[in-house]
Protein backbone atom coordinates (compact mmCIF):
# COMPACT_ATOMS: atom_id res chain seq x y z
CA MET A 1 -16.95 -15.26 -6.55
CA GLU A 2 -15.62 -17.69 -9.33
CA LYS A 3 -18.87 -17.09 -11.34
CA GLU A 4 -18.28 -13.32 -11.13
CA ILE A 5 -14.80 -13.63 -12.12
CA LYS A 6 -15.70 -16.07 -15.06
CA GLN A 7 -18.17 -13.52 -16.25
CA PHE A 8 -15.88 -10.67 -16.10
CA TRP A 9 -13.43 -12.37 -18.21
CA GLN A 10 -15.71 -13.80 -20.58
CA ASP A 11 -17.02 -10.44 -21.58
CA ILE A 12 -13.42 -9.20 -22.30
CA ILE A 13 -11.65 -12.35 -23.84
CA TYR A 14 -14.20 -13.95 -26.01
CA LYS A 15 -15.20 -12.63 -29.38
CA ASN A 16 -17.98 -14.34 -31.28
CA GLY A 17 -18.04 -17.11 -28.77
CA LYS A 18 -14.37 -17.97 -29.26
CA ILE A 19 -11.35 -16.90 -27.19
CA ASP A 20 -9.65 -13.97 -28.92
CA GLU A 21 -5.87 -14.60 -28.41
CA LYS A 22 -4.96 -11.13 -29.31
CA GLN A 23 -7.08 -9.73 -26.42
CA VAL A 24 -5.88 -12.56 -24.03
CA MET A 25 -2.17 -11.63 -24.87
CA LYS A 26 -3.16 -7.76 -24.14
CA GLU A 27 -4.71 -8.67 -20.85
CA LEU A 28 -1.69 -10.99 -19.85
CA ALA A 29 0.73 -8.05 -20.77
CA ASP A 30 -1.20 -5.68 -18.42
CA PHE A 31 -1.10 -8.19 -15.68
CA TYR A 32 2.52 -8.65 -16.09
CA PHE A 33 2.95 -4.92 -15.85
CA VAL A 34 1.10 -4.80 -12.53
CA MET A 35 2.96 -7.81 -11.18
CA GLN A 36 6.19 -6.11 -11.89
CA GLU A 37 5.23 -2.52 -10.60
CA VAL A 38 2.77 -2.95 -7.70
CA PRO A 39 5.27 -4.83 -5.37
CA LYS A 40 7.56 -1.67 -5.80
CA VAL A 41 4.87 0.59 -4.67
CA TYR A 42 3.86 -1.77 -1.72
CA CYS A 43 7.42 -1.98 -0.64
CA ALA A 44 7.83 1.76 -0.73
CA ILE A 45 4.58 2.35 1.27
CA THR A 46 5.08 -0.41 3.91
CA GLY A 47 8.93 0.31 4.28
CA GLY A 48 9.78 -3.15 2.83
CA SER A 49 7.48 -5.22 4.95
CA LEU A 50 4.88 -6.20 2.41
CA SER A 51 5.44 -6.65 -1.61
CA LYS A 52 3.22 -9.39 -2.73
CA ILE A 53 0.43 -8.27 -5.26
CA ASN A 54 -2.38 -10.14 -3.64
CA TYR A 55 -2.65 -8.30 -0.22
CA PRO A 56 -5.90 -6.69 0.40
CA SER A 57 -5.92 -2.98 -0.06
CA GLU A 58 -6.89 -2.51 3.68
CA VAL A 59 -3.77 -4.25 4.60
CA ILE A 60 -1.33 -1.82 2.49
CA LEU A 61 -3.43 1.16 3.50
CA GLY A 62 -3.29 0.19 7.20
CA GLU A 63 0.44 0.00 6.97
CA PHE A 64 0.66 3.41 5.19
CA GLU A 65 -1.51 5.00 7.75
CA GLU A 66 0.72 3.67 10.51
CA ARG A 67 3.88 4.82 8.92
CA PHE A 68 2.70 8.25 7.76
CA TRP A 69 0.89 9.88 10.60
CA ASP A 70 -1.08 12.98 10.66
CA LYS A 71 1.33 15.99 10.72
CA GLU A 72 -0.81 18.20 12.82
CA ILE A 73 -1.13 15.65 15.44
CA ILE A 74 2.63 15.08 15.39
CA ILE A 75 3.34 18.88 15.81
CA ASP A 76 1.02 18.99 18.80
CA ASP A 77 2.65 15.91 20.35
CA ILE A 78 6.02 17.54 19.98
CA LYS A 79 5.07 20.79 21.34
CA GLU A 80 3.66 18.93 24.31
CA MET A 81 6.98 17.15 24.72
CA MET A 82 8.90 20.39 24.46
CA GLU A 83 6.70 21.98 27.13
CA SER A 84 7.10 19.02 29.53
CA ALA A 85 10.71 18.00 28.99
CA LYS A 86 12.96 19.46 31.86
CA THR A 87 16.18 18.96 30.03
CA LEU A 88 17.28 18.70 26.32
CA LYS A 89 18.22 15.00 27.21
CA ASP A 90 14.83 14.22 28.28
CA LEU A 91 13.41 15.96 24.97
CA LYS A 92 15.78 14.00 23.05
CA GLU A 93 14.61 10.61 24.74
CA GLU A 94 10.93 11.42 24.48
CA LEU A 95 11.28 12.20 20.65
CA GLU A 96 13.38 9.03 20.10
CA GLY A 97 10.63 7.02 21.87
CA TYR A 98 8.09 8.83 19.88
CA LEU A 99 9.48 8.33 16.33
CA VAL A 100 10.61 4.69 16.76
């Protein structure tokens, strides 16, 4: 992996066999932007539980999927609860348990 990373950056920041300082500064500016913005998105997606930029994508996406369920499934579940609840209090308790 280290070799792959080194090759990736060599192709970007070297010009005529020397480090291109201007290009390095552009890359650092982009990385700075990512460091500032990505945590905001991660926090929003995960309800504030994850914010570091170095989480693997599957961790963030897993949190997202857990927080934002499929609406069709939710509607079907709620319809089923409404049919099975004997009282409004029972329905309220089922809904609270479902959504928490």
